[in-house]
N, C-alpha and C. Protein backbone atom coordinates (compact mmCIF):
# COMPACT_ATOMS: atom_id res chain seq x y z
N UNK A 1 49.93 128.72 102.25
CA UNK A 1 49.34 127.18 101.81
C UNK A 1 47.64 128.00 101.38
N UNK A 2 47.43 127.21 99.74
CA UNK A 2 46.15 127.87 98.64
C UNK A 2 45.05 127.27 99.14
N UNK A 3 44.06 128.66 99.11
CA UNK A 3 42.62 128.04 99.27
C UNK A 3 42.05 127.77 98.31
N UNK A 4 41.39 127.05 98.23
CA UNK A 4 40.07 126.84 97.19
C UNK A 4 39.58 128.15 97.08
N UNK A 5 39.48 128.45 95.63
CA UNK A 5 38.18 129.52 95.18
C UNK A 5 37.07 128.93 94.14
N UNK A 6 36.08 128.77 94.32
CA UNK A 6 35.14 128.88 93.40
C UNK A 6 34.54 129.69 92.33
N UNK A 7 34.33 129.36 91.46
CA UNK A 7 33.71 130.48 90.39
C UNK A 7 32.84 129.71 89.76
N UNK A 8 31.88 130.44 88.91
CA UNK A 8 30.70 129.67 88.02
C UNK A 8 31.02 130.22 86.68
N UNK A 9 31.21 129.22 86.00
CA UNK A 9 30.85 129.44 84.27
C UNK A 9 29.55 130.19 84.08
N UNK A 10 29.79 129.59 83.01
CA UNK A 10 28.93 130.49 81.77
C UNK A 10 27.59 129.75 82.36
N UNK A 11 27.49 128.72 82.47
CA UNK A 11 26.22 127.74 82.67
C UNK A 11 25.94 127.42 83.94
N UNK A 12 26.34 128.46 84.80
CA UNK A 12 26.08 128.86 86.07
C UNK A 12 26.91 127.40 86.86
N UNK A 13 27.67 126.55 86.69
CA UNK A 13 28.38 125.20 87.18
C UNK A 13 29.83 126.43 88.20
N UNK A 14 30.00 125.34 89.23
CA UNK A 14 31.32 125.84 89.83
C UNK A 14 32.41 125.00 89.35
N UNK A 15 33.54 126.03 89.62
CA UNK A 15 34.97 125.34 88.85
C UNK A 15 35.91 126.18 89.11
N UNK A 16 37.20 125.44 89.29
CA UNK A 16 38.34 125.47 90.60
C UNK A 16 38.85 126.78 89.31
N UNK A 17 39.63 127.60 90.17
CA UNK A 17 40.08 129.39 89.66
C UNK A 17 41.40 128.82 88.80
N UNK A 18 42.00 129.19 87.92
CA UNK A 18 43.27 129.27 87.23
C UNK A 18 43.94 129.30 88.16
N UNK A 19 44.36 130.17 89.57
CA UNK A 19 45.24 129.89 90.44
C UNK A 19 45.49 128.29 91.04
N UNK A 20 44.37 127.85 91.36
CA UNK A 20 43.99 126.54 92.49
C UNK A 20 44.74 125.82 91.60
N UNK A 21 44.46 125.49 90.00
CA UNK A 21 44.79 124.25 88.65
C UNK A 21 46.35 124.26 88.45
N UNK A 22 46.62 126.05 88.96
CA UNK A 22 48.13 125.86 88.64
C UNK A 22 48.78 125.13 89.56
N UNK A 23 48.29 125.47 90.93
CA UNK A 23 48.72 125.00 92.49
C UNK A 23 48.62 123.34 91.98
N UNK A 24 47.91 122.58 91.44
CA UNK A 24 47.80 121.46 91.37
C UNK A 24 48.70 120.56 90.11
N UNK A 25 49.50 121.68 89.59
CA UNK A 25 49.99 121.40 88.56
C UNK A 25 51.21 121.37 88.88
N UNK A 26 51.97 122.66 89.69
CA UNK A 26 53.00 122.71 90.51
C UNK A 26 53.35 121.45 91.46
N UNK A 27 52.12 120.88 91.84
CA UNK A 27 52.64 120.29 92.76
C UNK A 27 52.78 118.72 92.28
N UNK A 28 51.74 118.31 91.35
CA UNK A 28 52.25 117.02 90.31
C UNK A 28 53.62 116.73 89.97
N UNK A 29 54.43 118.40 89.43
CA UNK A 29 55.64 118.22 88.81
C UNK A 29 56.74 118.01 90.06
N UNK A 30 56.67 118.54 90.79
CA UNK A 30 57.16 118.50 92.20
C UNK A 30 57.16 116.79 92.23
N UNK A 31 56.20 116.10 92.21
CA UNK A 31 56.18 114.74 92.67
C UNK A 31 56.87 114.20 92.10
N UNK A 32 56.38 114.48 90.46
CA UNK A 32 57.18 113.74 89.51
C UNK A 32 58.57 113.66 89.61
N UNK A 33 59.27 115.31 89.55
CA UNK A 33 60.73 115.57 89.71
C UNK A 33 61.17 114.47 90.88
N UNK A 34 60.74 114.44 92.04
CA UNK A 34 61.08 113.69 92.92
C UNK A 34 61.35 111.95 92.75
N UNK A 35 60.23 111.58 92.40
CA UNK A 35 60.19 110.56 91.85
C UNK A 35 61.38 109.64 91.11
N UNK A 36 61.49 110.89 89.94
CA UNK A 36 62.71 110.63 89.16
C UNK A 36 64.26 110.70 89.41
N UNK A 37 64.25 111.83 90.82
CA UNK A 37 65.15 111.48 91.29
C UNK A 37 65.56 110.32 92.58
N UNK A 38 64.66 110.02 93.07
CA UNK A 38 64.66 108.64 93.66
C UNK A 38 65.37 107.56 92.50
N UNK A 39 64.59 107.26 91.72
CA UNK A 39 64.96 106.26 90.80
C UNK A 39 66.12 106.67 90.08
N UNK A 40 66.97 107.58 89.84
CA UNK A 40 67.96 108.08 89.69
C UNK A 40 69.45 107.33 90.37
N UNK A 41 68.60 107.77 91.81
CA UNK A 41 69.80 107.54 92.89
C UNK A 41 69.73 106.15 93.01
N UNK A 42 68.89 105.34 92.98
CA UNK A 42 68.50 104.09 92.82
C UNK A 42 69.67 103.26 91.87
N UNK A 43 69.32 103.96 91.06
CA UNK A 43 70.83 103.26 89.52
C UNK A 43 71.92 103.43 90.18
N UNK A 44 72.26 104.69 90.48
CA UNK A 44 73.74 104.94 90.88
C UNK A 44 74.00 104.24 91.57
N UNK A 45 73.06 104.03 92.60
CA UNK A 45 73.28 102.81 93.32
C UNK A 45 73.50 101.27 93.49
N UNK A 46 72.91 100.59 92.85
CA UNK A 46 73.45 99.70 92.03
C UNK A 46 73.91 99.64 91.44
N UNK A 47 74.62 100.53 90.34
CA UNK A 47 76.14 100.77 89.58
C UNK A 47 77.04 100.48 90.05
N UNK A 48 77.23 101.67 91.48
CA UNK A 48 78.59 101.63 92.20
C UNK A 48 77.99 100.48 92.93
N UNK A 49 77.48 99.87 93.70
CA UNK A 49 77.60 98.61 94.10
C UNK A 49 77.96 97.25 93.55
N UNK A 50 77.55 97.49 91.64
CA UNK A 50 78.31 96.50 90.81
C UNK A 50 79.54 96.38 90.78
N UNK A 51 80.12 97.61 90.65
CA UNK A 51 81.26 98.14 90.01
C UNK A 51 82.26 98.15 91.23
N UNK A 52 81.86 98.18 92.58
CA UNK A 52 82.74 98.48 93.82
C UNK A 52 82.30 97.78 94.58
N UNK A 53 83.71 97.73 95.73
CA UNK A 53 82.97 97.25 96.88
C UNK A 53 84.25 97.95 97.87
N UNK A 54 83.04 97.63 99.41
CA UNK A 54 84.10 98.37 100.03
C UNK A 54 84.72 97.21 101.43
N UNK A 55 85.95 98.15 101.89
CA UNK A 55 86.94 96.75 102.25
C UNK A 55 87.64 98.08 103.92
N UNK A 56 87.21 97.41 104.95
CA UNK A 56 88.07 98.03 105.84
C UNK A 56 89.09 97.41 106.70
N UNK A 57 90.11 98.20 106.73
CA UNK A 57 92.17 97.49 106.59
C UNK A 57 91.41 97.04 108.17
N UNK A 58 91.84 96.12 108.34
CA UNK A 58 91.58 95.39 109.52
C UNK A 58 93.41 94.98 110.49
N UNK A 59 94.14 95.37 109.75
CA UNK A 59 95.79 95.29 110.83
C UNK A 59 96.42 96.54 110.03
N UNK A 60 97.58 96.53 110.58
CA UNK A 60 98.75 97.34 110.35
C UNK A 60 99.73 97.06 109.55
N UNK A 61 99.41 95.72 108.67
CA UNK A 61 100.54 95.66 107.76
C UNK A 61 101.10 96.36 106.57
N UNK A 62 99.79 97.35 106.55
CA UNK A 62 100.48 98.40 105.62
C UNK A 62 100.28 99.74 105.37
N UNK A 63 100.70 100.21 107.42
CA UNK A 63 101.26 100.99 107.53
C UNK A 63 102.49 101.51 106.87
N UNK A 64 103.13 102.97 106.89
CA UNK A 64 102.41 103.99 107.51
C UNK A 64 101.09 104.47 106.22
N UNK A 65 100.94 103.87 105.30
CA UNK A 65 100.08 104.37 103.99
C UNK A 65 98.52 103.59 104.85
N UNK A 66 98.27 102.86 104.90
CA UNK A 66 97.37 102.62 105.68
C UNK A 66 97.17 102.43 107.34
N UNK A 67 95.64 102.59 108.01
CA UNK A 67 96.13 102.17 109.02
C UNK A 67 94.54 101.49 109.68
N UNK A 68 95.02 100.36 110.54
CA UNK A 68 93.50 99.77 110.83
C UNK A 68 92.21 100.47 111.03
N UNK A 69 91.20 100.34 110.38
CA UNK A 69 90.21 100.88 110.54
C UNK A 69 89.81 101.73 109.76
N UNK A 70 90.48 101.95 108.66
CA UNK A 70 90.41 102.79 107.43
C UNK A 70 89.41 102.44 107.13
N UNK A 71 88.90 102.69 105.61
CA UNK A 71 87.63 102.21 104.82
C UNK A 71 87.75 102.99 103.55
N UNK A 72 88.12 101.45 102.98
CA UNK A 72 88.22 101.81 101.17
C UNK A 72 87.20 101.33 100.41
N UNK A 73 87.28 102.10 99.45
CA UNK A 73 86.16 101.81 98.04
C UNK A 73 87.31 101.03 97.07
N UNK A 74 86.69 99.86 96.23
CA UNK A 74 87.59 99.03 95.76
C UNK A 74 87.16 98.91 94.46
N UNK A 75 87.51 99.32 93.95
CA UNK A 75 87.19 98.81 92.18
C UNK A 75 86.99 97.37 91.98
N UNK A 76 85.99 96.78 91.15
CA UNK A 76 86.14 95.62 90.69
C UNK A 76 86.58 95.12 89.62
N UNK A 77 86.48 96.05 88.46
CA UNK A 77 86.48 96.26 87.17
C UNK A 77 88.05 96.85 86.56
N UNK A 78 88.14 97.48 87.18
CA UNK A 78 89.65 97.84 86.94
C UNK A 78 90.73 97.34 86.40
N UNK A 79 90.58 96.29 86.59
CA UNK A 79 91.51 94.77 85.65
C UNK A 79 90.86 94.29 85.18
N UNK A 80 89.98 94.78 84.30
CA UNK A 80 89.20 94.55 83.05
C UNK A 80 90.20 95.49 82.36
N UNK A 81 89.92 95.95 82.47
CA UNK A 81 90.70 97.64 81.18
C UNK A 81 91.85 97.66 81.30
N UNK A 82 92.83 97.21 82.12
CA UNK A 82 94.62 96.93 81.88
C UNK A 82 94.62 95.95 83.44
N UNK A 83 96.57 95.48 82.53
CA UNK A 83 96.67 94.37 84.07
C UNK A 83 97.09 95.31 85.14
N UNK A 84 96.87 94.65 86.41
CA UNK A 84 97.65 95.48 87.48
C UNK A 84 99.06 95.74 87.62
N UNK A 85 99.19 96.79 87.80
CA UNK A 85 100.26 97.45 88.04
C UNK A 85 101.74 97.48 89.06
N UNK A 86 102.90 97.67 88.94
CA UNK A 86 103.49 97.80 90.25
C UNK A 86 103.21 98.85 91.13
N UNK A 87 102.84 98.78 91.87
CA UNK A 87 102.64 100.13 93.02
C UNK A 87 101.01 100.02 93.43
N UNK A 88 100.29 99.32 92.80
CA UNK A 88 98.82 99.33 92.92
C UNK A 88 98.63 98.57 94.31
N UNK A 89 97.56 99.35 95.06
CA UNK A 89 96.98 98.55 96.31
C UNK A 89 95.95 97.82 96.05
N UNK A 90 95.99 96.33 96.31
CA UNK A 90 95.23 95.79 96.19
C UNK A 90 94.14 95.02 97.27
N UNK A 91 93.10 94.10 97.13
CA UNK A 91 92.29 93.54 97.83
C UNK A 91 92.57 92.66 97.32
N UNK A 92 92.42 91.04 97.76
CA UNK A 92 93.12 89.98 97.33
C UNK A 92 92.56 89.06 98.57
N UNK A 93 92.35 87.59 97.75
CA UNK A 93 91.84 86.59 98.58
C UNK A 93 93.45 85.49 98.58
N UNK A 94 93.67 85.68 99.98
CA UNK A 94 95.11 84.87 100.25
C UNK A 94 95.33 83.64 99.69
N UNK A 95 96.56 83.45 98.90
CA UNK A 95 95.94 81.84 98.38
C UNK A 95 96.33 80.58 99.44
N UNK A 96 96.35 79.25 99.43
CA UNK A 96 96.61 78.19 100.32
C UNK A 96 95.87 78.40 101.56
N UNK A 97 94.38 78.88 101.15
CA UNK A 97 93.61 78.90 102.51
C UNK A 97 94.34 79.56 104.03
N UNK A 98 95.23 80.59 103.74
CA UNK A 98 95.90 81.10 104.66
C UNK A 98 94.63 82.16 105.55
N UNK A 99 93.89 82.85 104.95
CA UNK A 99 92.99 82.86 106.01
C UNK A 99 91.45 83.48 105.22
N UNK A 100 90.28 83.21 105.51
CA UNK A 100 89.22 83.74 105.45
C UNK A 100 89.02 85.66 105.12
N UNK A 101 89.61 85.96 105.50
CA UNK A 101 89.16 87.39 105.53
C UNK A 101 89.98 88.13 104.68
N UNK A 102 89.75 89.15 103.29
CA UNK A 102 90.60 89.07 102.39
C UNK A 102 91.59 89.73 102.60
N UNK A 103 92.43 90.20 102.15
CA UNK A 103 94.13 91.54 102.83
C UNK A 103 93.88 92.47 101.77
N UNK A 104 94.69 93.66 102.11
CA UNK A 104 95.28 94.24 101.28
C UNK A 104 96.83 94.48 101.65
N UNK A 105 97.26 94.50 100.29
CA UNK A 105 98.95 94.86 100.07
C UNK A 105 98.83 95.61 98.68
N UNK A 106 100.21 95.37 98.59
CA UNK A 106 100.55 96.60 97.46
C UNK A 106 101.67 95.77 96.53
N UNK A 107 101.08 95.81 94.95
CA UNK A 107 101.89 94.75 94.23
C UNK A 107 103.11 95.17 93.79
N UNK A 108 104.48 94.40 94.10
CA UNK A 108 105.70 95.03 93.65
C UNK A 108 106.43 93.77 92.68
N UNK A 109 105.98 93.10 92.50
CA UNK A 109 106.49 92.09 91.50
C UNK A 109 105.44 91.84 90.24
N UNK A 110 106.02 91.82 88.98
CA UNK A 110 105.04 91.70 87.50
C UNK A 110 104.92 90.05 86.99
N UNK A 111 103.90 89.87 86.44
CA UNK A 111 104.67 88.23 86.07
C UNK A 111 105.81 88.15 85.23
N UNK A 112 106.70 87.32 85.42
CA UNK A 112 108.00 87.01 84.40
C UNK A 112 109.04 87.94 84.82
N UNK A 113 109.00 88.15 86.00
CA UNK A 113 110.39 89.06 86.75
C UNK A 113 110.96 88.66 87.54
N UNK A 114 112.29 89.25 87.29
CA UNK A 114 113.06 88.60 88.63
C UNK A 114 112.57 89.41 90.19
N UNK A 115 112.62 88.96 90.69
CA UNK A 115 112.34 89.75 92.18
C UNK A 115 113.67 88.80 93.46
N UNK A 116 114.68 90.11 93.54
CA UNK A 116 115.13 89.65 94.77
C UNK A 116 115.15 90.42 95.88
N UNK A 117 114.86 90.33 97.34
CA UNK A 117 114.38 91.33 98.38
C UNK A 117 116.18 90.91 99.38
N UNK A 118 117.05 92.10 99.09
CA UNK A 118 118.53 91.69 99.44
C UNK A 118 118.92 92.96 100.45
N UNK A 119 119.29 92.79 101.30
CA UNK A 119 120.24 93.95 102.06
C UNK A 119 119.05 94.85 102.41
N UNK A 120 117.65 94.71 102.53
CA UNK A 120 116.38 95.70 102.67
C UNK A 120 115.76 96.29 101.72
N UNK A 121 116.17 96.36 100.37
CA UNK A 121 115.92 96.45 99.08
C UNK A 121 115.33 95.49 98.18
N UNK A 122 114.18 95.99 97.31
CA UNK A 122 113.82 95.24 96.74
C UNK A 122 114.43 95.28 95.11
N UNK A 123 114.85 94.46 94.54
CA UNK A 123 115.46 94.81 93.49
C UNK A 123 114.74 93.79 91.95
N UNK A 124 114.30 94.28 91.22
CA UNK A 124 113.37 93.54 90.63
C UNK A 124 114.30 93.72 88.84
N UNK A 125 114.96 92.56 88.35
CA UNK A 125 115.29 92.53 87.09
C UNK A 125 116.46 93.07 87.44
N UNK A 126 117.54 92.88 88.42
CA UNK A 126 118.76 93.94 88.37
C UNK A 126 118.91 95.22 88.92
N UNK A 127 117.40 95.93 89.15
CA UNK A 127 116.73 97.61 89.64
C UNK A 127 116.72 97.65 90.35
N UNK A 128 117.09 98.57 91.30
CA UNK A 128 116.30 98.20 92.70
C UNK A 128 114.83 99.35 92.69
N UNK A 129 114.03 99.45 93.88
CA UNK A 129 113.06 100.34 93.55
C UNK A 129 113.38 101.30 94.47
N UNK A 130 112.36 102.21 94.26
CA UNK A 130 112.90 103.49 95.56
C UNK A 130 111.49 103.35 95.57
N UNK A 131 111.33 103.22 96.92
CA UNK A 131 110.11 103.04 97.81
C UNK A 131 109.76 103.68 98.98
N UNK A 132 108.99 105.30 98.92
CA UNK A 132 109.45 105.59 100.04
C UNK A 132 107.92 105.41 101.50
N UNK A 133 107.43 104.72 100.82
CA UNK A 133 106.04 104.29 101.33
C UNK A 133 106.02 102.99 102.26
N UNK A 134 107.31 102.91 102.70
CA UNK A 134 107.64 101.56 103.75
C UNK A 134 108.03 102.59 105.16
N UNK A 135 107.79 101.45 105.67
CA UNK A 135 107.98 101.90 107.21
C UNK A 135 109.15 101.15 107.61
N UNK A 136 109.95 100.71 106.74
CA UNK A 136 111.41 100.38 107.09
C UNK A 136 112.11 99.68 106.40
N UNK A 137 113.29 99.23 106.11
CA UNK A 137 113.85 98.31 105.31
C UNK A 137 113.44 96.84 105.61
N UNK A 138 113.09 95.85 104.52
CA UNK A 138 113.14 94.55 104.81
C UNK A 138 113.84 93.47 105.89
N UNK A 139 113.81 93.02 106.82
CA UNK A 139 115.04 92.31 107.63
C UNK A 139 114.85 90.61 106.93
N UNK A 140 114.24 90.80 105.78
CA UNK A 140 114.33 88.83 105.09
C UNK A 140 115.10 89.17 103.76
N UNK A 141 115.41 87.66 103.13
CA UNK A 141 115.49 87.79 101.65
C UNK A 141 114.94 86.76 101.08
N UNK A 142 115.19 86.98 99.76
CA UNK A 142 114.22 86.66 98.82
C UNK A 142 114.46 86.61 97.54
N UNK A 143 114.28 85.79 96.65
CA UNK A 143 114.75 85.92 95.56
C UNK A 143 114.09 84.44 94.51
N UNK A 144 113.83 85.38 94.00
CA UNK A 144 112.39 84.08 92.98
C UNK A 144 112.06 84.82 91.48
N UNK A 145 111.65 84.15 91.10
CA UNK A 145 110.96 84.43 89.54
C UNK A 145 109.38 84.19 89.21
N UNK A 146 108.72 85.39 88.43
CA UNK A 146 107.01 85.53 89.07
C UNK A 146 106.71 84.63 87.69
N UNK A 147 105.74 83.50 87.36
CA UNK A 147 105.45 82.82 86.81
C UNK A 147 104.28 83.83 85.15
N UNK A 148 103.81 83.21 84.71
CA UNK A 148 102.76 84.30 83.94
C UNK A 148 101.63 84.02 84.98
N UNK A 149 100.98 85.15 84.67
CA UNK A 149 99.78 85.39 85.88
C UNK A 149 100.13 85.50 87.19
N UNK A 150 101.27 85.37 87.18
CA UNK A 150 102.03 85.72 89.07
C UNK A 150 101.99 86.71 89.64
N UNK A 151 101.85 87.24 90.79
CA UNK A 151 102.07 88.81 91.66
C UNK A 151 103.15 88.26 92.68
N UNK A 152 103.91 89.54 92.80
CA UNK A 152 104.62 89.35 94.17
C UNK A 152 104.40 90.48 94.66
N UNK A 153 103.21 90.49 95.93
CA UNK A 153 102.47 91.47 97.55
C UNK A 153 103.03 91.15 98.47
N UNK A 154 103.15 92.75 98.85
CA UNK A 154 104.05 92.90 99.78
C UNK A 154 102.83 94.24 100.89
N UNK A 155 103.25 93.70 102.44
CA UNK A 155 102.61 95.05 102.83
C UNK A 155 103.72 96.00 103.20
N UNK A 156 102.95 97.20 103.60
CA UNK A 156 104.36 98.57 103.43
C UNK A 156 105.01 98.28 104.67
N UNK A 157 104.59 97.83 105.42
CA UNK A 157 105.08 97.67 106.79
C UNK A 157 105.91 96.22 106.93
N UNK A 158 106.34 96.37 105.76
CA UNK A 158 107.55 95.31 105.71
C UNK A 158 107.57 93.95 106.86
N UNK A 159 107.60 93.88 107.84
CA UNK A 159 108.19 93.46 108.60
C UNK A 159 107.68 92.54 109.39
N UNK A 160 106.56 93.48 109.00
CA UNK A 160 104.39 92.67 109.87
C UNK A 160 103.92 92.49 109.12
N UNK A 161 104.14 91.83 108.39
CA UNK A 161 103.18 91.33 107.11
C UNK A 161 102.98 89.81 107.00
N UNK A 162 101.56 89.19 106.90
CA UNK A 162 101.81 88.10 106.09
C UNK A 162 101.39 88.88 104.18
N UNK A 163 102.56 88.41 103.52
CA UNK A 163 101.96 88.32 102.44
C UNK A 163 103.21 87.87 101.58
N UNK A 164 103.88 87.93 100.16
CA UNK A 164 104.78 87.11 99.64
C UNK A 164 105.64 86.47 100.35
N UNK A 165 106.23 86.94 100.90
CA UNK A 165 107.33 86.50 101.39
C UNK A 165 107.34 85.24 102.58
N UNK A 166 105.92 85.28 103.10
CA UNK A 166 105.44 84.13 103.54
C UNK A 166 104.81 83.31 102.68
N UNK A 167 103.86 83.49 102.16
CA UNK A 167 103.05 81.98 102.03
C UNK A 167 103.35 82.02 100.55
N UNK A 168 104.07 82.82 99.77
CA UNK A 168 104.38 82.67 98.16
C UNK A 168 103.17 83.71 97.56
N UNK A 169 103.38 83.62 95.69
CA UNK A 169 102.95 84.41 95.02
C UNK A 169 101.64 84.44 95.17
N UNK A 170 101.09 85.24 94.59
CA UNK A 170 99.74 85.70 94.41
C UNK A 170 99.37 85.43 92.65
N UNK A 171 98.25 84.71 92.66
CA UNK A 171 98.06 84.00 91.33
C UNK A 171 96.87 85.62 91.25
N UNK A 172 97.06 85.95 89.44
CA UNK A 172 96.02 86.71 89.39
C UNK A 172 94.56 86.62 89.56
N UNK A 173 94.04 85.27 89.65
CA UNK A 173 92.43 85.25 90.17
C UNK A 173 92.37 85.34 91.29
N UNK A 174 93.11 85.74 92.55
CA UNK A 174 93.17 85.97 93.84
C UNK A 174 93.02 87.76 94.46
N UNK A 175 93.05 88.63 92.71
CA UNK A 175 92.58 89.79 93.17
C UNK A 175 91.43 89.74 92.87
N UNK A 176 91.20 90.38 94.22
CA UNK A 176 89.38 90.83 94.09
C UNK A 176 89.29 92.33 93.72
N UNK A 177 90.06 93.31 94.03
CA UNK A 177 89.98 94.29 93.38
C UNK A 177 91.28 95.70 93.26
N UNK A 178 91.30 96.26 92.87
CA UNK A 178 92.42 97.71 92.90
C UNK A 178 91.33 98.55 94.18
N UNK A 179 91.91 99.01 95.33
CA UNK A 179 91.53 100.02 95.99
C UNK A 179 92.22 101.06 96.03
N UNK A 180 90.72 102.39 95.57
CA UNK A 180 91.34 103.50 94.64
C UNK A 180 90.70 104.55 95.29
N UNK A 181 90.44 104.60 96.53
CA UNK A 181 89.58 105.74 97.37
C UNK A 181 89.83 105.37 98.81
N UNK A 182 89.88 106.40 99.62
CA UNK A 182 89.98 105.67 101.48
C UNK A 182 88.57 106.82 101.20
N UNK A 183 87.53 106.57 102.17
CA UNK A 183 86.70 107.50 102.69
C UNK A 183 86.06 107.63 104.13
N UNK A 184 87.25 106.88 104.58
CA UNK A 184 87.13 107.06 106.37
C UNK A 184 88.64 106.82 106.63
N UNK A 185 89.23 107.65 107.58
CA UNK A 185 88.25 108.84 108.12
C UNK A 185 88.30 110.25 107.38
N UNK A 186 87.47 110.86 107.92
CA UNK A 186 87.21 112.37 106.63
C UNK A 186 88.50 112.92 106.55
N UNK A 187 89.38 112.76 107.64
CA UNK A 187 90.72 113.69 107.65
C UNK A 187 91.40 113.19 106.46
N UNK A 188 91.50 111.77 106.16
CA UNK A 188 92.08 110.95 105.06
C UNK A 188 91.65 110.63 103.99
N UNK A 189 90.51 111.20 103.31
CA UNK A 189 89.93 111.02 102.58
C UNK A 189 90.10 111.73 100.97
N UNK A 190 90.53 110.91 100.14
CA UNK A 190 91.12 110.93 98.76
C UNK A 190 91.50 109.62 98.38
N UNK A 191 91.49 110.45 97.16
CA UNK A 191 92.06 108.97 95.73
C UNK A 191 93.41 108.12 96.71
N UNK A 192 93.66 106.88 96.63
CA UNK A 192 95.07 106.29 97.30
C UNK A 192 96.24 106.92 95.99
N UNK A 193 97.61 107.23 96.83
CA UNK A 193 98.69 107.98 95.56
C UNK A 193 99.15 106.89 94.76
N UNK A 194 99.28 106.83 93.83
CA UNK A 194 100.06 105.42 93.07
C UNK A 194 101.68 105.96 92.91
N UNK A 195 102.67 105.27 92.69
CA UNK A 195 103.69 105.75 92.60
C UNK A 195 104.63 105.13 91.64
N UNK A 196 105.21 106.24 90.86
CA UNK A 196 105.96 106.27 90.24
C UNK A 196 107.29 105.24 90.47
N UNK A 197 108.11 103.97 89.18
CA UNK A 197 109.55 103.61 89.84
C UNK A 197 110.42 104.00 88.64
N UNK A 198 111.43 104.91 89.32
CA UNK A 198 112.46 104.81 88.08
C UNK A 198 113.33 104.47 88.76
N UNK A 199 114.21 103.99 87.93
CA UNK A 199 115.80 103.45 88.08
C UNK A 199 116.62 104.02 88.71
N UNK A 200 116.99 103.75 89.72
CA UNK A 200 118.13 104.52 90.65
C UNK A 200 119.15 103.98 91.09
N UNK A 201 119.61 102.46 90.56
CA UNK A 201 120.58 101.81 90.72
C UNK A 201 120.76 100.65 89.86
N UNK A 202 121.96 100.49 89.70
CA UNK A 202 122.44 99.03 88.97
C UNK A 202 122.19 97.81 90.52
N UNK A 203 122.20 96.47 90.05
CA UNK A 203 121.76 95.95 91.03
C UNK A 203 123.58 94.94 91.47
N UNK A 204 123.43 94.32 92.20
CA UNK A 204 124.43 94.29 92.80
C UNK A 204 124.79 92.83 92.04
């Protein structure tokens, strides 16, 4: 800790030595740097909260991909840049007042597509999807054509999910955001994977 040193100038008055003045300036600079860091952190916090949201998985409908109690970071602006894509995991407001709590599901069908669920598989315009992420084959049947701004969303736990096969198609304005990152538990920390869907067979 610096000690105060007093010297006399030419007129005999006391003045602070250069070493003490330097200490004062260093303290002032450190204080300014700290304030700048706090302001930057505050700006980053506000921006991140404006552009993203946090979601806690509250069911087993997306197993094995997501498990109850996991925490997700959700982009609120992703779909302002491009439309939803097949395979996206989204947080949504269930239509028809099915639930006051948001759901998390996977987009399987896009506007204008003919969707058929048959034999445990999902067919899109007579092309079967390869879905390595599901818990098992669907035990139900479905046949519909999506209109403009309509999406088919399903849970990866196909037979234990309240989704489009139960309450119908999802209007685009019910999509809250795209789940992009899992930040808890730490053992599962990372970006949520996006799957491509190559054609694997011709339709029945």
